[in-house]
Structure formats: C-alpha cells, structure tokens
Protein backbone atom coordinates (compact mmCIF):
# COMPACT_ATOMS: atom_id res chain seq x y z
CA UNK A 1 90.04 93.15 86.09
CA UNK A 2 88.14 95.50 83.38
CA UNK A 3 87.57 93.88 80.24
CA UNK A 4 85.20 96.16 78.47
CA UNK A 5 87.88 98.29 77.08
CA UNK A 6 89.05 94.95 74.98
CA UNK A 7 87.28 93.89 71.84
CA UNK A 8 85.41 90.63 72.23
CA UNK A 9 88.26 88.43 70.98
CA UNK A 10 90.93 90.07 73.42
CA UNK A 11 88.09 89.25 76.00
CA UNK A 12 87.47 85.87 74.86
CA UNK A 13 91.48 85.31 74.86
CA UNK A 14 91.79 86.98 78.54
CA UNK A 15 88.91 84.89 79.70
CA UNK A 16 90.86 81.85 78.61
CA UNK A 17 93.93 83.00 80.39
CA UNK A 18 92.27 83.63 83.56
CA UNK A 19 90.33 80.68 83.65
CA UNK A 20 93.61 78.32 83.02
CA UNK A 21 95.41 80.82 85.69
CA UNK A 22 92.44 79.79 88.08
CA UNK A 23 92.63 75.99 87.34
CA UNK A 24 96.33 76.00 87.96
CA UNK A 25 96.07 77.50 91.27
CA UNK A 26 93.33 75.37 92.35
CA UNK A 27 95.40 72.06 91.06
CA UNK A 28 98.50 73.87 93.18
CA UNK A 29 96.34 73.77 96.13
CA UNK A 30 94.95 70.63 95.85
CA UNK A 31 98.15 68.82 95.19
CA UNK A 32 99.64 70.90 98.35
CA UNK A 33 96.66 69.57 100.47
CA UNK A 34 97.19 66.25 99.37
CA UNK A 35 100.78 66.05 99.85
CA UNK A 36 100.44 67.45 103.39
CA UNK A 37 98.12 65.51 104.69
CA UNK A 38 99.16 62.49 103.14
CA UNK A 39 102.55 62.99 104.66
CA UNK A 40 101.27 64.20 108.49
CA UNK A 41 98.62 61.52 108.66
CA UNK A 42 99.56 58.23 106.28
CA UNK A 43 102.59 56.40 107.95
CA UNK A 44 101.15 52.48 107.93
CA UNK A 45 101.42 51.14 104.67
CA UNK A 46 100.72 47.69 105.67
CA UNK A 47 97.10 47.65 104.61
CA UNK A 48 95.62 49.56 101.16
CA UNK A 49 92.92 51.01 103.65
CA UNK A 50 93.16 53.70 105.93
CA UNK A 51 93.04 53.14 109.74
CA UNK A 52 90.23 54.99 111.63
CA UNK A 53 93.26 56.79 113.31
CA UNK A 54 94.98 58.12 109.62
CA UNK A 55 91.36 58.49 108.44
CA UNK A 56 90.57 61.23 111.37
CA UNK A 57 93.56 62.82 110.91
CA UNK A 58 93.18 63.40 107.11
CA UNK A 59 89.74 64.73 107.79
CA UNK A 60 91.06 67.08 110.54
CA UNK A 61 93.65 68.17 108.31
CA UNK A 62 91.64 68.87 105.01
CA UNK A 63 89.43 70.70 107.30
CA UNK A 64 91.86 72.71 108.78
CA UNK A 65 93.86 73.44 105.37
CA UNK A 66 90.62 74.49 103.70
CA UNK A 67 89.46 76.72 106.41
CA UNK A 68 92.96 78.59 106.38
CA UNK A 69 92.36 78.72 102.69
CA UNK A 70 88.80 80.55 102.83
CA UNK A 71 90.19 82.66 105.60
CA UNK A 72 93.24 83.76 103.77
CA UNK A 73 90.95 84.61 100.68
CA UNK A 74 88.58 86.31 102.77
CA UNK A 75 91.32 88.54 104.12
CA UNK A 76 92.65 89.29 100.48
CA UNK A 77 89.51 90.27 99.39
CA UNK A 78 89.21 92.89 102.24
CA UNK A 79 92.73 94.25 101.54
CA UNK A 80 91.73 94.40 97.82
CA UNK A 81 88.24 96.21 98.66
CA UNK A 82 90.43 98.24 100.88
CA UNK A 83 92.79 99.22 98.32
CA UNK A 84 90.17 99.84 95.59
CA UNK A 85 88.30 102.30 97.97
CA UNK A 86 91.64 104.27 99.34
CA UNK A 87 93.92 103.89 96.00
CA UNK A 88 96.19 106.62 97.61
CA UNK A 89 97.24 104.55 100.60
C-alpha cells in the first residue's frame, strides 16, 4: 500500500491501523495454533506436565502449522506479485 499520497498525520493513522490489523492477525493465528494442537495432542489430565508422547505431538503439530502458514504466505506473495505485474488479468 502506497501511503505517500497522504499527509503525515494520515500516514501515521494508517500505519497504526495496519499495525493493529497485523497484531490481530498474529494473535488469531497463535490462538488457532494453540487450540488445534492442544485439542489434538493433550488428552491426559492426570498430570500437570506433558507426557513425552504429548510433547512430541505438540512439537510436530506446531511445526506443521507454522510450515503451512509460511507456505500459504509465500503463495499469497507470489499471487500478489503476479497480479501487480499483470494488472489486466
């Protein structure tokens, strides 16, 4: 997004809105990660510590989730770049 067309006060306001949106997106992703991995991996509540099986599951789950998010972000960036290079398509 090109903010150069805006005056400094508008640029600052837009930057704050963008930062807030980015933080909301990060918190939503983190919340989804926690919920998904907890639901999939944590099922023994007789101890306050994770078992080795649960810990391995959580590590694998978070790794897959983060790799998936990274891959989706990369594809989104590729699509965005393609749209910017070919605006008529």
